[in-house]
C-alpha atoms as a PDB file:
ATOM      1  CA  MET A   1     145.805 222.353  92.576  1.00  0.00           C
ATOM      2  CA  MET A   2     143.929 220.295  95.158  1.00  0.00           C
ATOM      3  CA  CYS A   3     141.215 221.842  97.208  1.00  0.00           C
ATOM      4  CA  HIS A   4     140.996 220.524 100.755  1.00  0.00           C
ATOM      5  CA  LEU A   5     137.427 220.194 101.922  1.00  0.00           C
ATOM      6  CA  LEU A   6     136.686 219.820 105.585  1.00  0.00           C
ATOM      7  CA  ASP A   7     134.191 217.154 106.514  1.00  0.00           C
ATOM      8  CA  TYR A   8     131.704 218.560 108.992  1.00  0.00           C
ATOM      9  CA  ARG A   9     129.491 215.495 109.230  1.00  0.00           C
ATOM     10  CA  ILE A  10     128.841 214.353 112.781  1.00  0.00           C
ATOM     11  CA  THR A  11     129.707 210.711 113.251  1.00  0.00           C
ATOM     12  CA  ALA A  12     128.256 208.274 115.771  1.00  0.00           C
ATOM     13  CA  GLU A  13     131.457 208.643 117.798  1.00  0.00           C
ATOM     14  CA  ASP A  14     131.072 212.441 117.755  1.00  0.00           C
ATOM     15  CA  LYS A  15     127.532 212.094 119.102  1.00  0.00           C
ATOM     16  CA  GLU A  16     128.680 209.667 121.789  1.00  0.00           C
ATOM     17  CA  ARG A  17     131.566 211.954 122.814  1.00  0.00           C
ATOM     18  CA  ILE A  18     129.274 214.987 122.945  1.00  0.00           C
ATOM     19  CA  LYS A  19     126.723 213.111 125.064  1.00  0.00           C
ATOM     20  CA  LEU A  20     129.397 212.020 127.545  1.00  0.00           C
ATOM     21  CA  LEU A  21     130.933 215.502 127.672  1.00  0.00           C
ATOM     22  CA  GLU A  22     127.511 217.019 128.382  1.00  0.00           C
ATOM     23  CA  GLU A  23     127.190 214.647 131.336  1.00  0.00           C
ATOM     24  CA  VAL A  24     130.645 215.716 132.541  1.00  0.00           C
ATOM     25  CA  SER A  25     129.630 219.375 132.367  1.00  0.00           C
ATOM     26  CA  LYS A  26     126.483 218.693 134.417  1.00  0.00           C
ATOM     27  CA  ASN A  27     127.697 216.243 137.049  1.00  0.00           C
ATOM     28  CA  LYS A  28     131.462 216.095 136.662  1.00  0.00           C
ATOM     29  CA  PHE A  29     132.300 212.386 136.747  1.00  0.00           C
ATOM     30  CA  MET A  30     129.911 211.344 139.527  1.00  0.00           C
ATOM     31  CA  ASN A  31     127.630 209.137 137.411  1.00  0.00           C
ATOM     32  CA  PHE A  32     130.340 207.541 135.291  1.00  0.00           C
ATOM     33  CA  SER A  33     131.314 203.895 135.461  1.00  0.00           C
ATOM     34  CA  LEU A  34     134.909 202.848 134.879  1.00  0.00           C
ATOM     35  CA  GLU A  35     133.913 201.601 131.422  1.00  0.00           C
ATOM     36  CA  GLN A  36     132.319 204.956 130.519  1.00  0.00           C
ATOM     37  CA  LEU A  37     135.426 206.822 131.653  1.00  0.00           C
ATOM     38  CA  ILE A  38     137.661 204.604 129.547  1.00  0.00           C
ATOM     39  CA  ARG A  39     135.384 205.091 126.538  1.00  0.00           C
ATOM     40  CA  LEU A  40     135.335 208.867 127.029  1.00  0.00           C
ATOM     41  CA  GLN A  41     139.127 208.834 127.231  1.00  0.00           C
ATOM     42  CA  GLU A  42     139.319 206.943 123.914  1.00  0.00           C
ATOM     43  CA  LEU A  43     136.893 209.316 122.210  1.00  0.00           C
ATOM     44  CA  VAL A  44     138.634 212.458 123.450  1.00  0.00           C
ATOM     45  CA  GLU A  45     142.066 211.137 122.468  1.00  0.00           C
ATOM     46  CA  LYS A  46     140.817 210.437 118.915  1.00  0.00           C
ATOM     47  CA  LYS A  47     139.431 213.947 118.426  1.00  0.00           C
ATOM     48  CA  GLU A  48     141.837 216.205 116.538  1.00  0.00           C
ATOM     49  CA  TYR A  49     141.674 219.960 116.997  1.00  0.00           C
ATOM     50  CA  GLY A  50     144.366 220.858 114.478  1.00  0.00           C
ATOM     51  CA  THR A  51     146.349 223.932 115.393  1.00  0.00           C
ATOM     52  CA  GLU A  52     143.894 225.364 117.932  1.00  0.00           C
ATOM     53  CA  LYS A  53     146.177 225.744 120.952  1.00  0.00           C
ATOM     54  CA  LYS A  54     143.391 226.558 123.409  1.00  0.00           C
ATOM     55  CA  ALA A  55     141.431 223.461 122.338  1.00  0.00           C
ATOM     56  CA  GLN A  56     144.550 221.284 122.640  1.00  0.00           C
ATOM     57  CA  LYS A  57     145.182 222.644 126.143  1.00  0.00           C
ATOM     58  CA  SER A  58     141.573 221.939 127.152  1.00  0.00           C
ATOM     59  CA  LYS A  59     141.865 218.426 125.702  1.00  0.00           C
ATOM     60  CA  ARG A  60     145.024 217.718 127.744  1.00  0.00           C
ATOM     61  CA  SER A  61     143.366 219.065 130.893  1.00  0.00           C
ATOM     62  CA  LEU A  62     140.244 216.946 130.350  1.00  0.00           C
ATOM     63  CA  LEU A  63     142.328 213.815 129.683  1.00  0.00           C
ATOM     64  CA  LYS A  64     144.227 214.470 132.915  1.00  0.00           C
ATOM     65  CA  GLN A  65     140.935 214.691 134.857  1.00  0.00           C
ATOM     66  CA  ILE A  66     139.637 211.516 133.195  1.00  0.00           C
ATOM     67  CA  ASN A  67     142.853 209.658 134.042  1.00  0.00           C
ATOM     68  CA  ILE A  68     142.545 210.688 137.688  1.00  0.00           C
ATOM     69  CA  GLU A  69     138.958 209.428 137.809  1.00  0.00           C
ATOM     70  CA  ILE A  70     139.932 206.148 136.115  1.00  0.00           C
ATOM     71  CA  TYR A  71     142.717 205.683 138.646  1.00  0.00           C
ATOM     72  CA  LYS A  72     140.357 206.388 141.563  1.00  0.00           C
ATOM     73  CA  ARG A  73     137.835 203.809 140.377  1.00  0.00           C
ATOM     74  CA  ASP A  74     140.409 201.242 139.304  1.00  0.00           C
ATOM     75  CA  ASP A  75     142.349 201.668 142.527  1.00  0.00           C
ATOM     76  CA  SER A  76     139.260 201.266 144.709  1.00  0.00           C
ATOM     77  CA  ALA A  77     138.275 198.121 142.757  1.00  0.00           C
ATOM     78  CA  LEU A  78     141.711 196.642 143.426  1.00  0.00           C
ATOM     79  CA  TRP A  79     141.366 197.055 147.191  1.00  0.00           C
ATOM     80  CA  LYS A  80     137.887 195.523 147.590  1.00  0.00           C
END
């Protein structure tokens, strides 16, 4: 019988994601560059929450907000 151990070590990507999410909670997306938004999107997409439905719903909502902000910045760059 195999015992599944969960790995609770915080990786460099976890730290980066947490830092960016803390900035989002303070200032929304006001201080984010397009590159930072894209990176945050990548980090959030990678994070797995297993079967936690509330966490999955929050993740989808956050990704939707990030996509809107990316579009706003990318769209404004196209029209300059």
